[in-house]
Amino acid sequence: MTPPPTRERLIVALDLPTAGAARELVLRLGDSVTFYKIGMELAMAPGFFELLDWLKAENKRVFVDLKFFDIPETVARAVRNLSERGADLCTVHGNQSIMEAAAGARSGATRVLAVTALTSLDQGDLDDMGFSVDIADLVLSRARRALEAGCDGVVSSGLEVARLKAEVGDRLVCVTPGIRPVENRVEADQKRVMTPTDAIRAGADYLVVGRPVRDADDPRAVAEALVAEIARAEG
C-alpha cells in the first residue's frame, strides 16, 4: 500500500450539531484539511447527505462513521448506497457475516473499516461488560477477522497499532481516533489516547482529530500544526 499524502493523513471529525455548523468549520479550515469524518450526530440532523455531497463537490475526502451493525443484507445495502455517493471510508461493527456483507457491497473508491474497540473503552469497561480478554488481544482478534472478511482496514486506538501492524503489515489500513496533542491526556469520554507523533510512528495510516481542532480559537492554525507534526513523525 502506498502511504497517503501527508496532509491527507489528518482526518478532522465534524462532530457538530448541524450541517450548517459543519460547513462553516470546513470553510474556516480551507485547504489546510482535505479529509473529514461525518458521524452519528450529524446523521441525526437535517442535511447529512447534502453535506456529504457538498464535501465531495469541494474535492474533500469523506469518512462516514456510522458503525453499521444490523443484519448482513441491510448493512450491505447501506454500504452500497454510500459507495454510490462517493464516500471514501465507512465503518462496520459486527460479526463475520456483517463484515463480509459490508466488504462485498463496496464499490468504487469506498473502503470498509472494521471497528475493533472504541477508544472510550478501557480494560475496566471490558471487564464490566463480561469480556474476559485483554483489550490488545481483542483488537488483534478483530483485525484478523476483518482481514479474513475482506475489509480494507480497521479503526484502532494508537495504543494497539504497533502490535497490529506487526502482524498484518500493510494489508489493512489503520485509522486511529483518540488523538490528542498532549501525550496521554484523557479528555471527556476518550480513555485510550495518543499523540500524533506517537501514533504515526506506531504505524497509524490516518489520524482522526475532533475537539482539538473544532474547539480551537484558530482551527486552521491547529490543523496546520498537526499536519506539520505528522510530517516530522514521517521523517
C-alpha atoms as a PDB file:
ATOM      1  CA  MET A   1       0.000   0.000   0.000  1.00  0.00           C
ATOM      2  CA  THR A   2       1.325   3.425  -0.951  1.00  0.00           C
ATOM      3  CA  PRO A   3       1.352   5.746   2.086  1.00  0.00           C
ATOM      4  CA  PRO A   4      -1.242   8.520   1.804  1.00  0.00           C
ATOM      5  CA  PRO A   5      -0.060  12.111   1.234  1.00  0.00           C
ATOM      6  CA  THR A   6       0.942  13.793   4.491  1.00  0.00           C
ATOM      7  CA  ARG A   7      -1.898  16.317   4.600  1.00  0.00           C
ATOM      8  CA  GLU A   8      -4.436  13.623   3.798  1.00  0.00           C
ATOM      9  CA  ARG A   9      -3.423  11.611   6.863  1.00  0.00           C
ATOM     10  CA  LEU A  10      -5.229  14.114   9.081  1.00  0.00           C
ATOM     11  CA  ILE A  11      -8.976  13.432   9.240  1.00  0.00           C
ATOM     12  CA  VAL A  12     -10.924  16.158  11.024  1.00  0.00           C
ATOM     13  CA  ALA A  13     -14.080  14.941  12.737  1.00  0.00           C
ATOM     14  CA  LEU A  14     -17.047  17.205  12.082  1.00  0.00           C
ATOM     15  CA  ASP A  15     -18.681  16.448  15.424  1.00  0.00           C
ATOM     16  CA  LEU A  16     -21.129  19.329  15.261  1.00  0.00           C
ATOM     17  CA  PRO A  17     -24.888  19.591  15.800  1.00  0.00           C
ATOM     18  CA  THR A  18     -25.854  20.860  12.352  1.00  0.00           C
ATOM     19  CA  ALA A  19     -24.720  20.547   8.760  1.00  0.00           C
ATOM     20  CA  GLY A  20     -24.510  24.334   8.617  1.00  0.00           C
ATOM     21  CA  ALA A  21     -22.051  24.444  11.509  1.00  0.00           C
ATOM     22  CA  ALA A  22     -20.013  21.703   9.832  1.00  0.00           C
ATOM     23  CA  ARG A  23     -19.827  23.693   6.597  1.00  0.00           C
ATOM     24  CA  GLU A  24     -18.693  26.780   8.484  1.00  0.00           C
ATOM     25  CA  LEU A  25     -15.811  24.852  10.061  1.00  0.00           C
ATOM     26  CA  VAL A  26     -14.809  23.375   6.695  1.00  0.00           C
ATOM     27  CA  LEU A  27     -14.751  26.845   5.160  1.00  0.00           C
ATOM     28  CA  ARG A  28     -12.629  28.171   8.058  1.00  0.00           C
ATOM     29  CA  LEU A  29     -10.156  25.341   7.585  1.00  0.00           C
ATOM     30  CA  GLY A  30      -9.923  25.911   3.836  1.00  0.00           C
ATOM     31  CA  ASP A  31      -7.167  23.966   2.113  1.00  0.00           C
ATOM     32  CA  SER A  32      -5.474  23.076   5.413  1.00  0.00           C
ATOM     33  CA  VAL A  33      -7.657  19.929   5.630  1.00  0.00           C
ATOM     34  CA  THR A  34      -8.580  17.554   2.819  1.00  0.00           C
ATOM     35  CA  PHE A  35     -10.257  14.714   4.740  1.00  0.00           C
ATOM     36  CA  TYR A  36     -13.322  14.886   7.013  1.00  0.00           C
ATOM     37  CA  LYS A  37     -15.295  12.481   9.172  1.00  0.00           C
ATOM     38  CA  ILE A  38     -19.064  12.783   9.490  1.00  0.00           C
ATOM     39  CA  GLY A  39     -20.781  10.603  12.050  1.00  0.00           C
ATOM     40  CA  MET A  40     -23.827   9.854  14.112  1.00  0.00           C
ATOM     41  CA  GLU A  41     -24.504  13.357  15.481  1.00  0.00           C
ATOM     42  CA  LEU A  42     -24.790  14.844  12.002  1.00  0.00           C
ATOM     43  CA  ALA A  43     -26.691  11.793  10.719  1.00  0.00           C
ATOM     44  CA  MET A  44     -29.451  12.704  13.183  1.00  0.00           C
ATOM     45  CA  ALA A  45     -29.613  16.277  11.856  1.00  0.00           C
ATOM     46  CA  PRO A  46     -31.136  17.595   8.628  1.00  0.00           C
ATOM     47  CA  GLY A  47     -28.794  17.864   5.675  1.00  0.00           C
ATOM     48  CA  PHE A  48     -26.452  14.908   6.336  1.00  0.00           C
ATOM     49  CA  PHE A  49     -26.370  13.627   2.768  1.00  0.00           C
ATOM     50  CA  GLU A  50     -26.363  17.138   1.335  1.00  0.00           C
ATOM     51  CA  LEU A  51     -23.258  17.780   3.468  1.00  0.00           C
ATOM     52  CA  LEU A  52     -21.609  14.612   2.153  1.00  0.00           C
ATOM     53  CA  ASP A  53     -22.372  15.648  -1.435  1.00  0.00           C
ATOM     54  CA  TRP A  54     -21.088  19.182  -0.786  1.00  0.00           C
ATOM     55  CA  LEU A  55     -17.826  17.896   0.694  1.00  0.00           C
ATOM     56  CA  LYS A  56     -17.253  15.700  -2.341  1.00  0.00           C
ATOM     57  CA  ALA A  57     -18.039  18.638  -4.647  1.00  0.00           C
ATOM     58  CA  GLU A  58     -15.382  20.616  -2.739  1.00  0.00           C
ATOM     59  CA  ASN A  59     -12.878  17.848  -3.563  1.00  0.00           C
ATOM     60  CA  LYS A  60     -12.692  16.645   0.024  1.00  0.00           C
ATOM     61  CA  ARG A  61     -12.410  13.019   1.055  1.00  0.00           C
ATOM     62  CA  VAL A  62     -15.170  11.792   3.355  1.00  0.00           C
ATOM     63  CA  PHE A  63     -15.152   9.200   6.142  1.00  0.00           C
ATOM     64  CA  VAL A  64     -18.722   8.194   7.061  1.00  0.00           C
ATOM     65  CA  ASP A  65     -18.506   6.789  10.577  1.00  0.00           C
ATOM     66  CA  LEU A  66     -21.844   5.189  11.421  1.00  0.00           C
ATOM     67  CA  LYS A  67     -20.555   1.791  12.644  1.00  0.00           C
ATOM     68  CA  PHE A  68     -23.120  -0.283  10.775  1.00  0.00           C
ATOM     69  CA  PHE A  69     -24.493  -3.106  12.902  1.00  0.00           C
ATOM     70  CA  ASP A  70     -27.551  -4.875  11.535  1.00  0.00           C
ATOM     71  CA  ILE A  71     -28.483  -7.967   9.596  1.00  0.00           C
ATOM     72  CA  PRO A  72     -25.961  -8.509   6.769  1.00  0.00           C
ATOM     73  CA  GLU A  73     -28.314  -7.666   3.911  1.00  0.00           C
ATOM     74  CA  THR A  74     -29.256  -4.331   5.497  1.00  0.00           C
ATOM     75  CA  VAL A  75     -25.599  -3.467   6.083  1.00  0.00           C
ATOM     76  CA  ALA A  76     -24.741  -4.399   2.503  1.00  0.00           C
ATOM     77  CA  ARG A  77     -27.442  -2.093   1.147  1.00  0.00           C
ATOM     78  CA  ALA A  78     -26.258   0.767   3.350  1.00  0.00           C
ATOM     79  CA  VAL A  79     -22.663   0.355   2.180  1.00  0.00           C
ATOM     80  CA  ARG A  80     -23.805   0.135  -1.431  1.00  0.00           C
ATOM     81  CA  ASN A  81     -25.689   3.427  -1.086  1.00  0.00           C
ATOM     82  CA  LEU A  82     -22.658   5.142   0.442  1.00  0.00           C
ATOM     83  CA  SER A  83     -20.426   3.846  -2.337  1.00  0.00           C
ATOM     84  CA  GLU A  84     -22.766   5.350  -4.897  1.00  0.00           C
ATOM     85  CA  ARG A  85     -22.491   8.715  -3.116  1.00  0.00           C
ATOM     86  CA  GLY A  86     -18.683   8.589  -3.220  1.00  0.00           C
ATOM     87  CA  ALA A  87     -17.887   8.038   0.455  1.00  0.00           C
ATOM     88  CA  ASP A  88     -14.200   7.174   0.800  1.00  0.00           C
ATOM     89  CA  LEU A  89     -14.376   5.311   4.114  1.00  0.00           C
ATOM     90  CA  CYS A  90     -17.192   3.781   6.153  1.00  0.00           C
ATOM     91  CA  THR A  91     -17.289   1.715   9.324  1.00  0.00           C
ATOM     92  CA  VAL A  92     -18.883  -1.592  10.240  1.00  0.00           C
ATOM     93  CA  HIS A  93     -19.175  -3.077  13.721  1.00  0.00           C
ATOM     94  CA  GLY A  94     -20.349  -6.644  13.869  1.00  0.00           C
ATOM     95  CA  ASN A  95     -19.665 -10.332  13.419  1.00  0.00           C
ATOM     96  CA  GLN A  96     -18.037 -12.092  10.482  1.00  0.00           C
ATOM     97  CA  SER A  97     -21.133 -12.206   8.290  1.00  0.00           C
ATOM     98  CA  ILE A  98     -21.801  -8.498   8.818  1.00  0.00           C
ATOM     99  CA  MET A  99     -18.220  -7.571   7.921  1.00  0.00           C
ATOM    100  CA  GLU A 100     -18.269  -9.848   4.891  1.00  0.00           C
ATOM    101  CA  ALA A 101     -21.531  -8.297   3.684  1.00  0.00           C
ATOM    102  CA  ALA A 102     -20.113  -4.793   4.033  1.00  0.00           C
ATOM    103  CA  ALA A 103     -16.885  -5.689   2.238  1.00  0.00           C
ATOM    104  CA  GLY A 104     -18.776  -7.414  -0.546  1.00  0.00           C
ATOM    105  CA  ALA A 105     -21.082  -4.462  -1.164  1.00  0.00           C
ATOM    106  CA  ARG A 106     -18.484  -1.705  -1.510  1.00  0.00           C
ATOM    107  CA  SER A 107     -17.581  -0.348  -4.910  1.00  0.00           C
ATOM    108  CA  GLY A 108     -15.505   2.372  -6.494  1.00  0.00           C
ATOM    109  CA  ALA A 109     -13.127   4.114  -4.107  1.00  0.00           C
ATOM    110  CA  THR A 110     -15.072   3.223  -0.955  1.00  0.00           C
ATOM    111  CA  ARG A 111     -13.119   1.323   1.692  1.00  0.00           C
ATOM    112  CA  VAL A 112     -14.713  -0.567   4.582  1.00  0.00           C
ATOM    113  CA  LEU A 113     -13.195  -0.296   8.057  1.00  0.00           C
ATOM    114  CA  ALA A 114     -13.993  -2.689  10.886  1.00  0.00           C
ATOM    115  CA  VAL A 115     -14.228  -1.169  14.350  1.00  0.00           C
ATOM    116  CA  THR A 116     -12.019  -3.009  16.859  1.00  0.00           C
ATOM    117  CA  ALA A 117     -12.558  -1.459  20.313  1.00  0.00           C
ATOM    118  CA  LEU A 118     -13.847   2.054  20.937  1.00  0.00           C
ATOM    119  CA  THR A 119     -11.293   4.479  22.371  1.00  0.00           C
ATOM    120  CA  SER A 120     -13.843   5.372  25.054  1.00  0.00           C
ATOM    121  CA  LEU A 121     -13.425   1.856  26.493  1.00  0.00           C
ATOM    122  CA  ASP A 122     -10.617   0.667  28.729  1.00  0.00           C
ATOM    123  CA  GLN A 123      -9.869  -2.704  30.307  1.00  0.00           C
ATOM    124  CA  GLY A 124     -12.178  -1.977  33.236  1.00  0.00           C
ATOM    125  CA  ASP A 125     -15.068  -1.351  30.870  1.00  0.00           C
ATOM    126  CA  LEU A 126     -14.494  -4.653  29.088  1.00  0.00           C
ATOM    127  CA  ASP A 127     -14.368  -6.438  32.423  1.00  0.00           C
ATOM    128  CA  ASP A 128     -17.655  -4.813  33.456  1.00  0.00           C
ATOM    129  CA  MET A 129     -19.283  -5.994  30.221  1.00  0.00           C
ATOM    130  CA  GLY A 130     -18.175  -9.559  30.853  1.00  0.00           C
ATOM    131  CA  PHE A 131     -15.408  -9.761  28.249  1.00  0.00           C
ATOM    132  CA  SER A 132     -12.605 -11.727  29.885  1.00  0.00           C
ATOM    133  CA  VAL A 133      -9.982 -10.738  27.349  1.00  0.00           C
ATOM    134  CA  ASP A 134      -7.070  -8.325  27.252  1.00  0.00           C
ATOM    135  CA  ILE A 135      -8.045  -5.269  25.229  1.00  0.00           C
ATOM    136  CA  ALA A 136      -4.975  -5.524  22.976  1.00  0.00           C
ATOM    137  CA  ASP A 137      -5.786  -9.176  22.260  1.00  0.00           C
ATOM    138  CA  LEU A 138      -9.362  -8.201  21.409  1.00  0.00           C
ATOM    139  CA  VAL A 139      -8.183  -5.552  18.942  1.00  0.00           C
ATOM    140  CA  LEU A 140      -5.815  -8.001  17.254  1.00  0.00           C
ATOM    141  CA  SER A 141      -8.512 -10.673  17.037  1.00  0.00           C
ATOM    142  CA  ARG A 142     -10.947  -8.212  15.473  1.00  0.00           C
ATOM    143  CA  ALA A 143      -8.279  -7.132  12.978  1.00  0.00           C
ATOM    144  CA  ARG A 144      -7.593 -10.724  11.930  1.00  0.00           C
ATOM    145  CA  ARG A 145     -11.298 -11.320  11.401  1.00  0.00           C
ATOM    146  CA  ALA A 146     -11.657  -8.092   9.422  1.00  0.00           C
ATOM    147  CA  LEU A 147      -8.843  -9.192   7.119  1.00  0.00           C
ATOM    148  CA  GLU A 148     -10.475 -12.593   6.616  1.00  0.00           C
ATOM    149  CA  ALA A 149     -13.809 -10.898   5.874  1.00  0.00           C
ATOM    150  CA  GLY A 150     -12.291  -8.784   3.107  1.00  0.00           C
ATOM    151  CA  CYS A 151     -12.394  -5.425   4.896  1.00  0.00           C
ATOM    152  CA  ASP A 152      -9.912  -2.790   3.808  1.00  0.00           C
ATOM    153  CA  GLY A 153      -8.884  -1.644   7.246  1.00  0.00           C
ATOM    154  CA  VAL A 154      -9.686  -1.154  10.893  1.00  0.00           C
ATOM    155  CA  VAL A 155     -10.315   1.609  13.392  1.00  0.00           C
ATOM    156  CA  SER A 156      -7.894   1.148  16.262  1.00  0.00           C
ATOM    157  CA  SER A 157      -6.515   3.122  19.171  1.00  0.00           C
ATOM    158  CA  GLY A 158      -2.893   4.130  18.696  1.00  0.00           C
ATOM    159  CA  LEU A 159      -2.008   2.045  21.725  1.00  0.00           C
ATOM    160  CA  GLU A 160      -2.632  -1.145  19.744  1.00  0.00           C
ATOM    161  CA  VAL A 161      -1.413  -0.056  16.294  1.00  0.00           C
ATOM    162  CA  ALA A 162       2.211  -1.212  16.575  1.00  0.00           C
ATOM    163  CA  ARG A 163       1.239  -4.757  17.505  1.00  0.00           C
ATOM    164  CA  LEU A 164      -1.498  -4.791  14.892  1.00  0.00           C
ATOM    165  CA  LYS A 165       0.808  -3.597  12.106  1.00  0.00           C
ATOM    166  CA  ALA A 166       3.488  -6.095  13.139  1.00  0.00           C
ATOM    167  CA  GLU A 167       1.024  -8.865  12.306  1.00  0.00           C
ATOM    168  CA  VAL A 168      -0.969  -7.555   9.330  1.00  0.00           C
ATOM    169  CA  GLY A 169       1.517  -5.089   7.843  1.00  0.00           C
ATOM    170  CA  ASP A 170       0.022  -3.041   5.025  1.00  0.00           C
ATOM    171  CA  ARG A 171      -2.797  -5.475   4.348  1.00  0.00           C
ATOM    172  CA  LEU A 172      -5.113  -3.337   6.496  1.00  0.00           C
ATOM    173  CA  VAL A 173      -5.378   0.441   6.620  1.00  0.00           C
ATOM    174  CA  CYS A 174      -5.215   1.669  10.209  1.00  0.00           C
ATOM    175  CA  VAL A 175      -7.386   4.683  11.129  1.00  0.00           C
ATOM    176  CA  THR A 176      -6.654   5.942  14.631  1.00  0.00           C
ATOM    177  CA  PRO A 177      -9.021   8.119  16.699  1.00  0.00           C
ATOM    178  CA  GLY A 178      -8.358   9.424  20.205  1.00  0.00           C
ATOM    179  CA  ILE A 179      -5.532  11.666  19.010  1.00  0.00           C
ATOM    180  CA  ARG A 180      -4.521  14.443  21.390  1.00  0.00           C
ATOM    181  CA  PRO A 181      -1.658  16.923  21.044  1.00  0.00           C
ATOM    182  CA  VAL A 182      -0.664  16.343  24.688  1.00  0.00           C
ATOM    183  CA  GLU A 183       0.581  12.830  25.421  1.00  0.00           C
ATOM    184  CA  ASN A 184      -1.923  10.565  27.207  1.00  0.00           C
ATOM    185  CA  ARG A 185      -4.212  13.463  28.003  1.00  0.00           C
ATOM    186  CA  VAL A 186      -7.579  11.999  28.933  1.00  0.00           C
ATOM    187  CA  GLU A 187     -10.331  14.320  27.796  1.00  0.00           C
ATOM    188  CA  ALA A 188     -14.023  13.765  28.450  1.00  0.00           C
ATOM    189  CA  ASP A 189     -15.046  10.327  27.129  1.00  0.00           C
ATOM    190  CA  GLN A 190     -11.753   9.370  25.469  1.00  0.00           C
ATOM    191  CA  LYS A 191      -9.676   6.984  27.588  1.00  0.00           C
ATOM    192  CA  ARG A 192      -7.124   5.402  25.237  1.00  0.00           C
ATOM    193  CA  VAL A 193      -5.415   8.348  23.610  1.00  0.00           C
ATOM    194  CA  MET A 194      -2.082   9.075  21.938  1.00  0.00           C
ATOM    195  CA  THR A 195      -0.159  11.999  20.466  1.00  0.00           C
ATOM    196  CA  PRO A 196       0.015  12.422  16.672  1.00  0.00           C
ATOM    197  CA  THR A 197       3.759  11.736  16.658  1.00  0.00           C
ATOM    198  CA  ASP A 198       3.479   8.517  18.632  1.00  0.00           C
ATOM    199  CA  ALA A 199       0.524   7.267  16.565  1.00  0.00           C
ATOM    200  CA  ILE A 200       2.273   7.851  13.228  1.00  0.00           C
ATOM    201  CA  ARG A 201       5.475   6.233  14.450  1.00  0.00           C
ATOM    202  CA  ALA A 202       3.476   3.263  15.731  1.00  0.00           C
ATOM    203  CA  GLY A 203       2.134   2.716  12.218  1.00  0.00           C
ATOM    204  CA  ALA A 204      -1.193   4.560  12.004  1.00  0.00           C
ATOM    205  CA  ASP A 205      -2.113   5.460   8.439  1.00  0.00           C
ATOM    206  CA  TYR A 206      -4.701   8.121   9.288  1.00  0.00           C
ATOM    207  CA  LEU A 207      -5.356  10.156  12.441  1.00  0.00           C
ATOM    208  CA  VAL A 208      -8.840  11.312  13.430  1.00  0.00           C
ATOM    209  CA  VAL A 209      -8.864  14.582  15.392  1.00  0.00           C
ATOM    210  CA  GLY A 210     -12.033  16.296  16.543  1.00  0.00           C
ATOM    211  CA  ARG A 211     -12.197  18.530  19.590  1.00  0.00           C
ATOM    212  CA  PRO A 212      -8.627  19.897  19.470  1.00  0.00           C
ATOM    213  CA  VAL A 213      -9.438  21.392  16.040  1.00  0.00           C
ATOM    214  CA  ARG A 214     -13.141  22.096  16.439  1.00  0.00           C
ATOM    215  CA  ASP A 215     -12.833  23.908  19.780  1.00  0.00           C
ATOM    216  CA  ALA A 216      -9.684  25.897  18.960  1.00  0.00           C
ATOM    217  CA  ASP A 217      -9.727  29.697  18.710  1.00  0.00           C
ATOM    218  CA  ASP A 218      -7.905  29.261  15.386  1.00  0.00           C
ATOM    219  CA  PRO A 219      -8.862  25.844  13.951  1.00  0.00           C
ATOM    220  CA  ARG A 220      -6.788  26.349  10.807  1.00  0.00           C
ATOM    221  CA  ALA A 221      -3.618  27.028  12.804  1.00  0.00           C
ATOM    222  CA  VAL A 222      -4.183  23.873  14.854  1.00  0.00           C
ATOM    223  CA  ALA A 223      -4.789  21.803  11.717  1.00  0.00           C
ATOM    224  CA  GLU A 224      -1.631  23.151  10.099  1.00  0.00           C
ATOM    225  CA  ALA A 225       0.344  22.373  13.258  1.00  0.00           C
ATOM    226  CA  LEU A 226      -0.991  18.818  13.251  1.00  0.00           C
ATOM    227  CA  VAL A 227      -0.032  18.310   9.608  1.00  0.00           C
ATOM    228  CA  ALA A 228       3.452  19.658  10.382  1.00  0.00           C
ATOM    229  CA  GLU A 229       3.750  17.228  13.306  1.00  0.00           C
ATOM    230  CA  ILE A 230       2.689  14.337  11.089  1.00  0.00           C
ATOM    231  CA  ALA A 231       5.349  15.342   8.538  1.00  0.00           C
ATOM    232  CA  ARG A 232       8.049  15.374  11.224  1.00  0.00           C
ATOM    233  CA  ALA A 233       6.931  11.982  12.512  1.00  0.00           C
ATOM    234  CA  GLU A 234       7.111  10.546   8.993  1.00  0.00           C
ATOM    235  CA  GLY A 235      10.738  11.615   8.732  1.00  0.00           C
END
